[in-house]
C-alpha atoms as a PDB file:
ATOM      1  CA  HIS A   1     -98.682-274.039 -21.468  1.00  0.00           C
ATOM      2  CA  LEU A   2     -98.241-274.927 -25.075  1.00  0.00           C
ATOM      3  CA  ILE A   3     -94.702-276.165 -24.453  1.00  0.00           C
ATOM      4  CA  ARG A   4     -94.718-279.885 -23.690  1.00  0.00           C
ATOM      5  CA  ASN A   5     -91.095-281.017 -24.007  1.00  0.00           C
ATOM      6  CA  ALA A   6     -87.449-279.945 -24.172  1.00  0.00           C
ATOM      7  CA  LYS A   7     -87.488-279.578 -27.963  1.00  0.00           C
ATOM      8  CA  GLU A   8     -90.395-277.139 -27.834  1.00  0.00           C
ATOM      9  CA  LEU A   9     -88.668-275.286 -24.978  1.00  0.00           C
ATOM     10  CA  GLY A  10     -85.562-274.868 -27.139  1.00  0.00           C
ATOM     11  CA  ILE A  11     -87.631-273.576 -30.064  1.00  0.00           C
ATOM     12  CA  ALA A  12     -89.464-271.069 -27.858  1.00  0.00           C
ATOM     13  CA  VAL A  13     -86.279-269.814 -26.184  1.00  0.00           C
ATOM     14  CA  LYS A  14     -84.526-269.454 -29.539  1.00  0.00           C
ATOM     15  CA  ALA A  15     -87.442-267.499 -31.032  1.00  0.00           C
ATOM     16  CA  LEU A  16     -87.645-265.180 -28.026  1.00  0.00           C
ATOM     17  CA  GLY A  17     -83.857-264.754 -27.923  1.00  0.00           C
ATOM     18  CA  LYS A  18     -83.738-263.757 -31.593  1.00  0.00           C
ATOM     19  CA  LYS A  19     -86.314-261.050 -30.891  1.00  0.00           C
ATOM     20  CA  ARG A  20     -84.180-259.852 -27.964  1.00  0.00           C
ATOM     21  CA  PHE A  21     -86.832-260.936 -25.456  1.00  0.00           C
ATOM     22  CA  TRP A  22     -84.162-262.576 -23.333  1.00  0.00           C
ATOM     23  CA  GLN A  23     -86.023-261.999 -20.059  1.00  0.00           C
ATOM     24  CA  GLU A  24     -89.063-263.842 -21.325  1.00  0.00           C
ATOM     25  CA  ALA A  25     -86.872-266.580 -22.796  1.00  0.00           C
ATOM     26  CA  LEU A  26     -85.041-267.170 -19.531  1.00  0.00           C
ATOM     27  CA  ALA A  27     -88.264-267.033 -17.505  1.00  0.00           C
ATOM     28  CA  LEU A  28     -89.500-270.125 -19.351  1.00  0.00           C
ATOM     29  CA  PHE A  29     -86.900-272.396 -17.747  1.00  0.00           C
ATOM     30  CA  PRO A  30     -88.085-272.324 -14.099  1.00  0.00           C
ATOM     31  CA  LYS A  31     -91.770-272.153 -15.065  1.00  0.00           C
ATOM     32  CA  LEU A  32     -91.564-275.224 -17.237  1.00  0.00           C
ATOM     33  CA  GLU A  33     -89.275-277.091 -14.853  1.00  0.00           C
ATOM     34  CA  ALA A  34     -92.000-276.707 -12.215  1.00  0.00           C
ATOM     35  CA  GLU A  35     -94.357-278.389 -14.690  1.00  0.00           C
ATOM     36  CA  GLY A  36     -91.940-281.263 -15.287  1.00  0.00           C
ATOM     37  CA  VAL A  37     -90.446-280.064 -18.598  1.00  0.00           C
ATOM     38  CA  LEU A  38     -86.674-280.349 -18.248  1.00  0.00           C
ATOM     39  CA  ALA A  39     -84.222-278.604 -20.534  1.00  0.00           C
ATOM     40  CA  ASP A  40     -81.959-280.608 -22.817  1.00  0.00           C
ATOM     41  CA  LEU A  41     -78.632-279.657 -24.388  1.00  0.00           C
ATOM     42  CA  ILE A  42     -80.218-277.632 -27.180  1.00  0.00           C
ATOM     43  CA  ALA A  43     -82.509-275.722 -24.815  1.00  0.00           C
ATOM     44  CA  TYR A  44     -79.562-274.842 -22.571  1.00  0.00           C
ATOM     45  CA  ASN A  45     -77.487-273.766 -25.573  1.00  0.00           C
ATOM     46  CA  VAL A  46     -80.153-271.404 -26.876  1.00  0.00           C
ATOM     47  CA  GLY A  47     -80.699-270.183 -23.322  1.00  0.00           C
ATOM     48  CA  ILE A  48     -77.017-269.290 -23.046  1.00  0.00           C
ATOM     49  CA  SER A  49     -77.235-267.569 -26.447  1.00  0.00           C
ATOM     50  CA  ALA A  50     -80.211-265.544 -25.177  1.00  0.00           C
ATOM     51  CA  CYS A  51     -78.039-264.551 -22.197  1.00  0.00           C
ATOM     52  CA  GLU A  52     -75.383-263.273 -24.579  1.00  0.00           C
ATOM     53  CA  LYS A  53     -77.923-261.149 -26.461  1.00  0.00           C
ATOM     54  CA  GLY A  54     -79.226-259.771 -23.170  1.00  0.00           C
ATOM     55  CA  GLU A  55     -75.710-259.212 -21.803  1.00  0.00           C
ATOM     56  CA  GLN A  56     -76.465-261.544 -18.899  1.00  0.00           C
ATOM     57  CA  TRP A  57     -73.153-263.363 -18.568  1.00  0.00           C
ATOM     58  CA  LEU A  58     -73.773-264.384 -14.971  1.00  0.00           C
ATOM     59  CA  GLN A  59     -77.001-266.146 -15.945  1.00  0.00           C
ATOM     60  CA  ALA A  60     -75.102-267.894 -18.752  1.00  0.00           C
ATOM     61  CA  VAL A  61     -72.613-269.222 -16.186  1.00  0.00           C
ATOM     62  CA  GLN A  62     -75.517-270.324 -13.996  1.00  0.00           C
ATOM     63  CA  PHE A  63     -76.893-272.324 -16.918  1.00  0.00           C
ATOM     64  CA  LEU A  64     -73.551-274.121 -17.151  1.00  0.00           C
ATOM     65  CA  GLN A  65     -73.829-274.972 -13.451  1.00  0.00           C
ATOM     66  CA  GLU A  66     -77.413-276.207 -13.961  1.00  0.00           C
ATOM     67  CA  MET A  67     -76.230-278.385 -16.819  1.00  0.00           C
ATOM     68  CA  LYS A  68     -73.686-279.969 -14.493  1.00  0.00           C
ATOM     69  CA  THR A  69     -76.343-280.529 -11.820  1.00  0.00           C
ATOM     70  CA  GLU A  70     -78.793-282.002 -14.329  1.00  0.00           C
ATOM     71  CA  GLN A  71     -76.026-284.113 -15.904  1.00  0.00           C
ATOM     72  CA  VAL A  72     -76.435-282.494 -19.322  1.00  0.00           C
ATOM     73  CA  ARG A  73     -73.011-282.608 -20.955  1.00  0.00           C
ATOM     74  CA  PRO A  74     -72.074-279.327 -22.667  1.00  0.00           C
ATOM     75  CA  ASP A  75     -70.670-279.349 -26.183  1.00  0.00           C
ATOM     76  CA  ALA A  76     -68.685-276.950 -28.364  1.00  0.00           C
ATOM     77  CA  VAL A  77     -71.821-274.898 -29.032  1.00  0.00           C
ATOM     78  CA  THR A  78     -72.329-274.494 -25.282  1.00  0.00           C
ATOM     79  CA  PHE A  79     -68.813-273.206 -24.730  1.00  0.00           C
ATOM     80  CA  ASN A  80     -68.890-270.910 -27.770  1.00  0.00           C
ATOM     81  CA  ALA A  81     -72.155-269.370 -26.565  1.00  0.00           C
ATOM     82  CA  LEU A  82     -70.784-269.078 -23.024  1.00  0.00           C
ATOM     83  CA  ILE A  83     -67.597-267.401 -24.220  1.00  0.00           C
ATOM     84  CA  ALA A  84     -69.652-264.960 -26.301  1.00  0.00           C
ATOM     85  CA  ALA A  85     -71.830-264.179 -23.266  1.00  0.00           C
ATOM     86  CA  CYS A  86     -68.798-263.758 -21.003  1.00  0.00           C
ATOM     87  CA  GLY A  87     -67.193-261.494 -23.587  1.00  0.00           C
ATOM     88  CA  ARG A  88     -69.921-258.975 -22.761  1.00  0.00           C
ATOM     89  CA  ALA A  89     -68.738-258.725 -19.143  1.00  0.00           C
ATOM     90  CA  GLN A  90     -66.524-255.861 -18.037  1.00  0.00           C
ATOM     91  CA  ASP A  91     -63.932-258.363 -16.844  1.00  0.00           C
ATOM     92  CA  SER A  92     -64.320-261.117 -19.416  1.00  0.00           C
ATOM     93  CA  ALA A  93     -61.340-263.085 -18.065  1.00  0.00           C
ATOM     94  CA  LEU A  94     -62.967-263.303 -14.637  1.00  0.00           C
ATOM     95  CA  ALA A  95     -66.379-264.038 -16.141  1.00  0.00           C
ATOM     96  CA  CYS A  96     -65.060-266.968 -18.186  1.00  0.00           C
ATOM     97  CA  PHE A  97     -63.312-268.580 -15.230  1.00  0.00           C
ATOM     98  CA  PRO A  98     -66.282-270.923 -14.515  1.00  0.00           C
ATOM     99  CA  CYS A  99     -66.137-272.135 -18.111  1.00  0.00           C
ATOM    100  CA  HIS A 100     -62.418-272.870 -17.801  1.00  0.00           C
ATOM    101  CA  GLN A 101     -62.939-274.478 -14.408  1.00  0.00           C
ATOM    102  CA  TYR A 102     -65.636-276.805 -15.772  1.00  0.00           C
ATOM    103  CA  VAL A 103     -63.467-277.854 -18.691  1.00  0.00           C
ATOM    104  CA  CYS A 104     -60.592-278.690 -16.369  1.00  0.00           C
ATOM    105  CA  GLU A 105     -62.838-280.503 -13.862  1.00  0.00           C
ATOM    106  CA  GLN A 106     -64.070-282.732 -16.653  1.00  0.00           C
ATOM    107  CA  ARG A 107     -60.470-283.294 -17.757  1.00  0.00           C
ATOM    108  CA  LEU A 108     -61.222-281.787 -21.136  1.00  0.00           C
ATOM    109  CA  CYS A 109     -58.324-279.365 -21.020  1.00  0.00           C
ATOM    110  CA  ILE A 110     -54.671-280.004 -21.723  1.00  0.00           C
ATOM    111  CA  MET A 111     -52.497-279.134 -18.762  1.00  0.00           C
ATOM    112  CA  PRO A 112     -48.757-278.574 -19.204  1.00  0.00           C
ATOM    113  CA  ASN A 113     -46.524-281.202 -17.657  1.00  0.00           C
ATOM    114  CA  ASP A 114     -44.948-280.187 -14.375  1.00  0.00           C
END
């Protein structure tokens, strides 16, 4: 493969996602992981954006779970891309539940006082 690191993975995924080749973009993640190239925050963010373009909200949520497993902390770009991807779901409120759950687990949300 010509992709040697997370930065190059992010560039490749972004280029494929812009061309609406979301399947090819998402296929890079497991192939490269098997070769020892791990995704970073930017690669995950563009992967989630590719999911939105391909209307693959469930895969976008799975990326969020992978980020948690790999200890890659999501940022505002991550959540904006995830919300956009979930907005494509028939039941966007249900689809965005994992996003909300993650935010609350990390104590990033403001809960009303009981």
